[in-house]
């Protein structure tokens, strides 16, 4: 089972080798590139307050951008869009349907507590303090992540944490 997971991770990372201790290795990446890729992810989330969705897409996403978020993929079935255009249209369609394309329960995607880069992947982890659903007088720490693959200064793929609930696509208005 461990070998299957490691091979799968190697494929995800585009790695060329899985070492004896199960460590995924890639070709050396200069620290300056890793730092630039981390800043790119931070800038993307900060730009949400100052740029339109279309501007953000052109600036940060490759034309053949791949989204792995199942909410966006489900919306793509309705829009028929592909690549970075699908990201823009998914939000428009979600708004039309009055559904949340992103729902982190109150965890804000700003000021990440951890940003790490390896190979061509960058991951940011965000922390939120949420109310305990069983005892609203108490809170707990919750975390969200965003991972992107970067090539030539653009996001080519994106992963995040998403759960689907029955009827989520019907939205608040029941449609």
Protein backbone atom coordinates (compact mmCIF):
# COMPACT_ATOMS: atom_id res chain seq x y z
CA UNK A 1 0.00 0.00 0.00
CA UNK A 2 2.81 2.41 0.88
CA UNK A 3 4.50 1.81 -2.48
CA UNK A 4 1.26 2.59 -4.33
CA UNK A 5 0.91 5.86 -2.41
CA UNK A 6 4.52 6.79 -3.13
CA UNK A 7 4.23 6.02 -6.82
CA UNK A 8 1.02 8.07 -6.95
CA UNK A 9 2.74 10.96 -5.21
CA UNK A 10 5.67 10.72 -7.60
CA UNK A 11 3.26 10.96 -10.53
CA UNK A 12 1.55 13.97 -8.93
CA UNK A 13 4.84 15.73 -8.42
CA UNK A 14 6.16 14.94 -11.87
CA UNK A 15 9.10 13.43 -10.00
CA UNK A 16 11.72 11.35 -11.72
CA UNK A 17 12.67 9.09 -8.83
CA UNK A 18 11.42 7.60 -5.58
CA UNK A 19 14.39 7.01 -3.30
CA UNK A 20 15.09 4.07 -1.02
CA UNK A 21 13.44 5.75 1.98
CA UNK A 22 10.39 6.60 -0.11
CA UNK A 23 11.43 10.22 -0.61
CA UNK A 24 10.19 11.72 -3.87
CA UNK A 25 12.98 13.47 -5.75
CA UNK A 26 12.91 15.91 -8.64
CA UNK A 27 15.51 17.76 -10.63
CA UNK A 28 17.13 20.50 -8.54
CA UNK A 29 15.15 23.74 -8.52
CA UNK A 30 16.96 26.98 -7.66
CA UNK A 31 15.85 28.54 -4.38
CA UNK A 32 15.05 31.76 -6.26
CA UNK A 33 12.52 29.85 -8.39
CA UNK A 34 10.96 28.19 -5.34
CA UNK A 35 10.69 31.59 -3.64
CA UNK A 36 9.16 33.18 -6.77
CA UNK A 37 6.62 30.34 -7.00
CA UNK A 38 5.65 30.79 -3.35
CA UNK A 39 5.21 34.53 -3.89
CA UNK A 40 3.07 33.83 -6.95
CA UNK A 41 0.59 31.84 -4.84
CA UNK A 42 0.51 34.51 -2.15
CA UNK A 43 0.02 37.23 -4.78
CA UNK A 44 -2.84 35.29 -6.38
CA UNK A 45 -4.90 35.27 -3.20
CA UNK A 46 -4.03 38.87 -2.34
CA UNK A 47 -5.05 40.00 -5.85
CA UNK A 48 -8.63 38.88 -5.24
CA UNK A 49 -9.30 42.22 -3.62
CA UNK A 50 -7.82 44.35 -6.42
CA UNK A 51 -8.25 42.49 -9.73
CA UNK A 52 -11.23 41.11 -11.60
CA UNK A 53 -11.51 37.35 -11.96
CA UNK A 54 -10.60 37.65 -15.65
CA UNK A 55 -7.50 39.73 -14.86
CA UNK A 56 -6.42 37.24 -12.20
CA UNK A 57 -6.90 34.35 -14.59
CA UNK A 58 -4.81 35.98 -17.33
CA UNK A 59 -2.08 36.96 -14.86
CA UNK A 60 -1.77 33.73 -12.87
CA UNK A 61 -3.15 30.79 -14.88
CA UNK A 62 -1.78 29.03 -17.96
CA UNK A 63 -4.16 28.73 -20.90
CA UNK A 64 -4.41 24.96 -20.32
CA UNK A 65 -4.91 25.34 -16.54
CA UNK A 66 -6.34 22.22 -14.88
CA UNK A 67 -8.66 22.51 -11.90
CA UNK A 68 -8.99 19.48 -9.59
CA UNK A 69 -11.66 20.98 -7.32
CA UNK A 70 -14.75 18.74 -7.72
CA UNK A 71 -17.14 21.68 -7.29
CA UNK A 72 -15.51 23.51 -10.20
CA UNK A 73 -15.37 20.33 -12.28
CA UNK A 74 -19.10 19.77 -11.75
CA UNK A 75 -19.83 23.36 -12.82
CA UNK A 76 -17.60 22.84 -15.89
CA UNK A 77 -20.10 20.23 -17.07
CA UNK A 78 -22.68 23.02 -17.36
CA UNK A 79 -20.45 25.72 -18.84
CA UNK A 80 -18.52 23.50 -21.24
CA UNK A 81 -15.47 25.69 -20.61
CA UNK A 82 -11.90 24.41 -20.52
CA UNK A 83 -8.55 25.65 -19.21
CA UNK A 84 -8.35 28.98 -17.44
CA UNK A 85 -11.64 30.07 -19.02
CA UNK A 86 -13.33 27.29 -17.02
CA UNK A 87 -12.14 28.87 -13.76
CA UNK A 88 -13.75 32.20 -14.64
CA UNK A 89 -16.98 30.66 -15.92
CA UNK A 90 -17.28 28.31 -12.94
CA UNK A 91 -17.54 31.26 -10.55
CA UNK A 92 -20.05 33.01 -12.81
CA UNK A 93 -22.20 29.86 -13.06
CA UNK A 94 -21.96 29.23 -9.32
CA UNK A 95 -23.13 32.81 -8.66
CA UNK A 96 -26.00 32.35 -11.12
CA UNK A 97 -27.05 29.18 -9.28
CA UNK A 98 -26.48 30.80 -5.88
CA UNK A 99 -24.08 28.06 -4.76
CA UNK A 100 -20.71 28.36 -3.07
CA UNK A 101 -17.91 27.24 -5.34
CA UNK A 102 -15.53 27.65 -2.41
CA UNK A 103 -16.77 26.94 1.11
CA UNK A 104 -14.15 26.74 3.83
CA UNK A 105 -16.51 27.33 6.72
CA UNK A 106 -14.95 30.68 7.55
CA UNK A 107 -11.25 30.01 6.94
CA UNK A 108 -9.93 33.05 5.06
CA UNK A 109 -7.44 32.46 2.25
CA UNK A 110 -5.09 35.22 3.28
CA UNK A 111 -2.05 35.35 5.50
CA UNK A 112 -0.99 31.71 5.17
CA UNK A 113 0.71 30.22 8.21
CA UNK A 114 2.86 27.90 6.06
CA UNK A 115 4.00 28.24 2.45
CA UNK A 116 6.22 25.51 1.06
CA UNK A 117 7.57 24.72 -2.39
CA UNK A 118 9.21 21.66 -3.81
CA UNK A 119 9.82 20.75 -7.43
CA UNK A 120 7.09 22.61 -9.33
CA UNK A 121 4.51 22.47 -6.53
CA UNK A 122 3.61 25.16 -4.01
CA UNK A 123 1.33 24.63 -1.02
CA UNK A 124 -0.09 27.28 1.29
CA UNK A 125 -1.82 26.35 4.53
CA UNK A 126 -4.33 28.72 6.10
CA UNK A 127 -5.69 28.67 9.64
CA UNK A 128 -9.08 29.64 10.91
CA UNK A 129 -10.75 29.58 14.29
CA UNK A 130 -14.24 28.13 13.98
CA UNK A 131 -17.10 27.61 16.39
CA UNK A 132 -17.54 24.09 17.68
CA UNK A 133 -20.83 22.90 16.13
CA UNK A 134 -21.60 20.86 19.26
CA UNK A 135 -20.81 23.70 21.66
CA UNK A 136 -20.95 27.22 20.12
CA UNK A 137 -19.30 28.66 23.24
CA UNK A 138 -16.11 26.84 22.23
CA UNK A 139 -13.85 27.20 19.21
CA UNK A 140 -11.28 25.05 17.46
CA UNK A 141 -8.49 25.59 14.97
CA UNK A 142 -9.17 24.42 11.42
CA UNK A 143 -6.89 24.42 8.40
CA UNK A 144 -7.30 24.75 4.65
CA UNK A 145 -4.73 24.22 1.93
CA UNK A 146 -4.16 25.38 -1.62
CA UNK A 147 -1.64 23.61 -3.85
CA UNK A 148 -0.64 24.65 -7.35
CA UNK A 149 1.77 23.40 -9.98
CA UNK A 150 3.76 26.26 -11.51
CA UNK A 151 5.38 26.36 -14.93
CA UNK A 152 6.88 29.47 -16.49
CA UNK A 153 5.37 31.72 -13.81
CA UNK A 154 1.79 30.46 -14.26
CA UNK A 155 -0.40 27.95 -12.45
CA UNK A 156 -0.93 24.85 -14.56
CA UNK A 157 -2.87 22.81 -11.97
CA UNK A 158 -4.68 23.41 -8.69
CA UNK A 159 -5.76 21.21 -5.78
CA UNK A 160 -7.58 22.09 -2.57
CA UNK A 161 -9.77 20.50 0.06
CA UNK A 162 -13.38 20.17 -0.93
CA UNK A 163 -16.32 18.18 0.28
CA UNK A 164 -19.61 17.82 -1.53
CA UNK A 165 -22.88 17.61 0.33
CA UNK A 166 -26.13 16.27 -1.11
CA UNK A 167 -27.88 19.01 -3.06
CA UNK A 168 -24.97 21.50 -2.97
CA UNK A 169 -25.43 22.24 -6.67
CA UNK A 170 -29.09 23.19 -6.20
CA UNK A 171 -28.10 26.22 -4.19
CA UNK A 172 -29.95 28.39 -1.75
CA UNK A 173 -32.91 28.92 -4.05
CA UNK A 174 -33.46 25.15 -4.56
CA UNK A 175 -32.61 25.22 -8.28
